[in-house]
């Protein structure tokens, strides 16, 4: 819990550089979440709601839920692979002394 509280600025005297890095990570995570929601709405709504009305039918709701779950699973898989690749590249760069 201490790492979380420090990352949110509630901890004791923490390293200013670490606090800035945590804030950048939090802002990136929020931007990522906003983009995910926007893309899910864009793709799934277009696919599942051909004629928007005042409410969604049960089939539209089922379609939207299924689409959203699949989209989020794919998003998570891609994100995990991306993070793994960056970590591998960073570890190679640290072990090799860098490219320059």
C-alpha atoms as a PDB file:
ATOM      1  CA  UNK A   1       0.000   0.000   0.000  1.00  0.00           C
ATOM      2  CA  UNK A   2       2.952   2.294   0.664  1.00  0.00           C
ATOM      3  CA  UNK A   3       3.987   2.239  -3.011  1.00  0.00           C
ATOM      4  CA  UNK A   4       0.494   3.209  -4.052  1.00  0.00           C
ATOM      5  CA  UNK A   5       0.235   6.011  -1.534  1.00  0.00           C
ATOM      6  CA  UNK A   6       3.635   7.378  -2.535  1.00  0.00           C
ATOM      7  CA  UNK A   7       2.676   7.193  -6.197  1.00  0.00           C
ATOM      8  CA  UNK A   8      -0.385   9.270  -5.466  1.00  0.00           C
ATOM      9  CA  UNK A   9       1.584  11.823  -3.510  1.00  0.00           C
ATOM     10  CA  UNK A  10       0.354  10.741  -0.077  1.00  0.00           C
ATOM     11  CA  UNK A  11       3.571   9.203   1.200  1.00  0.00           C
ATOM     12  CA  UNK A  12       6.354  10.773   3.147  1.00  0.00           C
ATOM     13  CA  UNK A  13       9.238  12.680   1.615  1.00  0.00           C
ATOM     14  CA  UNK A  14       9.674  10.770  -1.615  1.00  0.00           C
ATOM     15  CA  UNK A  15      12.109  11.278  -4.446  1.00  0.00           C
ATOM     16  CA  UNK A  16      10.810  14.136  -6.657  1.00  0.00           C
ATOM     17  CA  UNK A  17      11.947  12.314  -9.806  1.00  0.00           C
ATOM     18  CA  UNK A  18      10.013   9.187  -8.762  1.00  0.00           C
ATOM     19  CA  UNK A  19       6.937  11.296  -8.004  1.00  0.00           C
ATOM     20  CA  UNK A  20       7.057  12.859 -11.482  1.00  0.00           C
ATOM     21  CA  UNK A  21       7.538   9.428 -13.078  1.00  0.00           C
ATOM     22  CA  UNK A  22       4.556   8.069 -11.139  1.00  0.00           C
ATOM     23  CA  UNK A  23       2.423  11.006 -12.235  1.00  0.00           C
ATOM     24  CA  UNK A  24       3.431  10.458 -15.868  1.00  0.00           C
ATOM     25  CA  UNK A  25       2.571   6.750 -15.559  1.00  0.00           C
ATOM     26  CA  UNK A  26      -0.829   7.580 -14.064  1.00  0.00           C
ATOM     27  CA  UNK A  27      -1.583  10.095 -16.808  1.00  0.00           C
ATOM     28  CA  UNK A  28      -0.520   7.586 -19.472  1.00  0.00           C
ATOM     29  CA  UNK A  29      -2.749   4.932 -17.897  1.00  0.00           C
ATOM     30  CA  UNK A  30      -5.707   7.346 -17.888  1.00  0.00           C
ATOM     31  CA  UNK A  31      -5.100   8.265 -21.534  1.00  0.00           C
ATOM     32  CA  UNK A  32      -4.868   4.571 -22.366  1.00  0.00           C
ATOM     33  CA  UNK A  33      -8.167   3.867 -20.582  1.00  0.00           C
ATOM     34  CA  UNK A  34      -9.880   6.750 -22.381  1.00  0.00           C
ATOM     35  CA  UNK A  35      -8.607   5.473 -25.717  1.00  0.00           C
ATOM     36  CA  UNK A  36      -9.802   1.944 -24.929  1.00  0.00           C
ATOM     37  CA  UNK A  37     -13.291   3.169 -24.051  1.00  0.00           C
ATOM     38  CA  UNK A  38     -13.408   5.349 -27.158  1.00  0.00           C
ATOM     39  CA  UNK A  39     -12.343   2.477 -29.436  1.00  0.00           C
ATOM     40  CA  UNK A  40     -14.736  -0.007 -27.833  1.00  0.00           C
ATOM     41  CA  UNK A  41     -17.612   2.412 -28.299  1.00  0.00           C
ATOM     42  CA  UNK A  42     -16.565   3.213 -31.851  1.00  0.00           C
ATOM     43  CA  UNK A  43     -16.131  -0.394 -33.016  1.00  0.00           C
ATOM     44  CA  UNK A  44     -18.756  -2.206 -30.994  1.00  0.00           C
ATOM     45  CA  UNK A  45     -21.484   0.404 -31.246  1.00  0.00           C
ATOM     46  CA  UNK A  46     -21.106   0.566 -35.034  1.00  0.00           C
ATOM     47  CA  UNK A  47     -21.189  -3.229 -35.238  1.00  0.00           C
ATOM     48  CA  UNK A  48     -23.993  -3.935 -32.778  1.00  0.00           C
ATOM     49  CA  UNK A  49     -26.366  -0.989 -33.101  1.00  0.00           C
ATOM     50  CA  UNK A  50     -27.235  -0.549 -36.777  1.00  0.00           C
ATOM     51  CA  UNK A  51     -30.210   1.749 -36.096  1.00  0.00           C
ATOM     52  CA  UNK A  52     -29.813   3.703 -32.836  1.00  0.00           C
ATOM     53  CA  UNK A  53     -32.995   4.390 -30.931  1.00  0.00           C
ATOM     54  CA  UNK A  54     -33.972   5.538 -27.477  1.00  0.00           C
ATOM     55  CA  UNK A  55     -32.775   2.251 -25.917  1.00  0.00           C
ATOM     56  CA  UNK A  56     -30.849  -0.891 -26.790  1.00  0.00           C
ATOM     57  CA  UNK A  57     -32.628  -4.136 -27.534  1.00  0.00           C
ATOM     58  CA  UNK A  58     -31.566  -7.272 -25.676  1.00  0.00           C
ATOM     59  CA  UNK A  59     -29.773  -8.572 -28.795  1.00  0.00           C
ATOM     60  CA  UNK A  60     -27.928  -5.250 -29.174  1.00  0.00           C
ATOM     61  CA  UNK A  61     -26.931  -5.347 -25.506  1.00  0.00           C
ATOM     62  CA  UNK A  62     -25.698  -8.942 -25.827  1.00  0.00           C
ATOM     63  CA  UNK A  63     -23.770  -8.111 -28.996  1.00  0.00           C
ATOM     64  CA  UNK A  64     -22.243  -4.988 -27.432  1.00  0.00           C
ATOM     65  CA  UNK A  65     -21.205  -6.852 -24.271  1.00  0.00           C
ATOM     66  CA  UNK A  66     -19.639  -9.698 -26.240  1.00  0.00           C
ATOM     67  CA  UNK A  67     -17.853  -7.301 -28.588  1.00  0.00           C
ATOM     68  CA  UNK A  68     -16.559  -5.234 -25.681  1.00  0.00           C
ATOM     69  CA  UNK A  69     -15.194  -8.298 -23.868  1.00  0.00           C
ATOM     70  CA  UNK A  70     -13.431  -9.559 -27.000  1.00  0.00           C
ATOM     71  CA  UNK A  71     -12.011  -6.127 -27.782  1.00  0.00           C
ATOM     72  CA  UNK A  72     -10.704  -5.697 -24.233  1.00  0.00           C
ATOM     73  CA  UNK A  73      -9.118  -9.180 -24.254  1.00  0.00           C
ATOM     74  CA  UNK A  74      -7.358  -8.364 -27.519  1.00  0.00           C
ATOM     75  CA  UNK A  75      -6.278  -4.970 -26.164  1.00  0.00           C
ATOM     76  CA  UNK A  76      -4.848  -6.598 -23.025  1.00  0.00           C
ATOM     77  CA  UNK A  77      -2.994  -9.242 -25.040  1.00  0.00           C
ATOM     78  CA  UNK A  78      -1.422  -6.633 -27.295  1.00  0.00           C
ATOM     79  CA  UNK A  79      -0.539  -4.441 -24.297  1.00  0.00           C
ATOM     80  CA  UNK A  80       1.134  -7.332 -22.453  1.00  0.00           C
ATOM     81  CA  UNK A  81       3.146  -8.282 -25.534  1.00  0.00           C
ATOM     82  CA  UNK A  82       4.176  -4.665 -26.067  1.00  0.00           C
ATOM     83  CA  UNK A  83       5.305  -4.281 -22.462  1.00  0.00           C
ATOM     84  CA  UNK A  84       7.217  -7.579 -22.610  1.00  0.00           C
ATOM     85  CA  UNK A  85       9.003  -6.487 -25.765  1.00  0.00           C
ATOM     86  CA  UNK A  86       9.951  -3.111 -24.295  1.00  0.00           C
ATOM     87  CA  UNK A  87      11.259  -4.811 -21.148  1.00  0.00           C
ATOM     88  CA  UNK A  88      13.314  -7.232 -23.255  1.00  0.00           C
ATOM     89  CA  UNK A  89      14.751  -4.380 -25.311  1.00  0.00           C
ATOM     90  CA  UNK A  90      15.532  -2.376 -22.179  1.00  0.00           C
ATOM     91  CA  UNK A  91      17.279  -5.341 -20.565  1.00  0.00           C
ATOM     92  CA  UNK A  92      19.320  -5.947 -23.734  1.00  0.00           C
ATOM     93  CA  UNK A  93      20.260  -2.264 -23.842  1.00  0.00           C
ATOM     94  CA  UNK A  94      21.293  -2.261 -20.192  1.00  0.00           C
ATOM     95  CA  UNK A  95      23.326  -5.452 -20.562  1.00  0.00           C
ATOM     96  CA  UNK A  96      24.981  -4.353 -23.800  1.00  0.00           C
ATOM     97  CA  UNK A  97      25.879  -0.880 -22.597  1.00  0.00           C
ATOM     98  CA  UNK A  98      23.572   0.842 -25.038  1.00  0.00           C
ATOM     99  CA  UNK A  99      23.688   1.397 -28.762  1.00  0.00           C
ATOM    100  CA  UNK A 100      25.834   4.564 -28.798  1.00  0.00           C
END
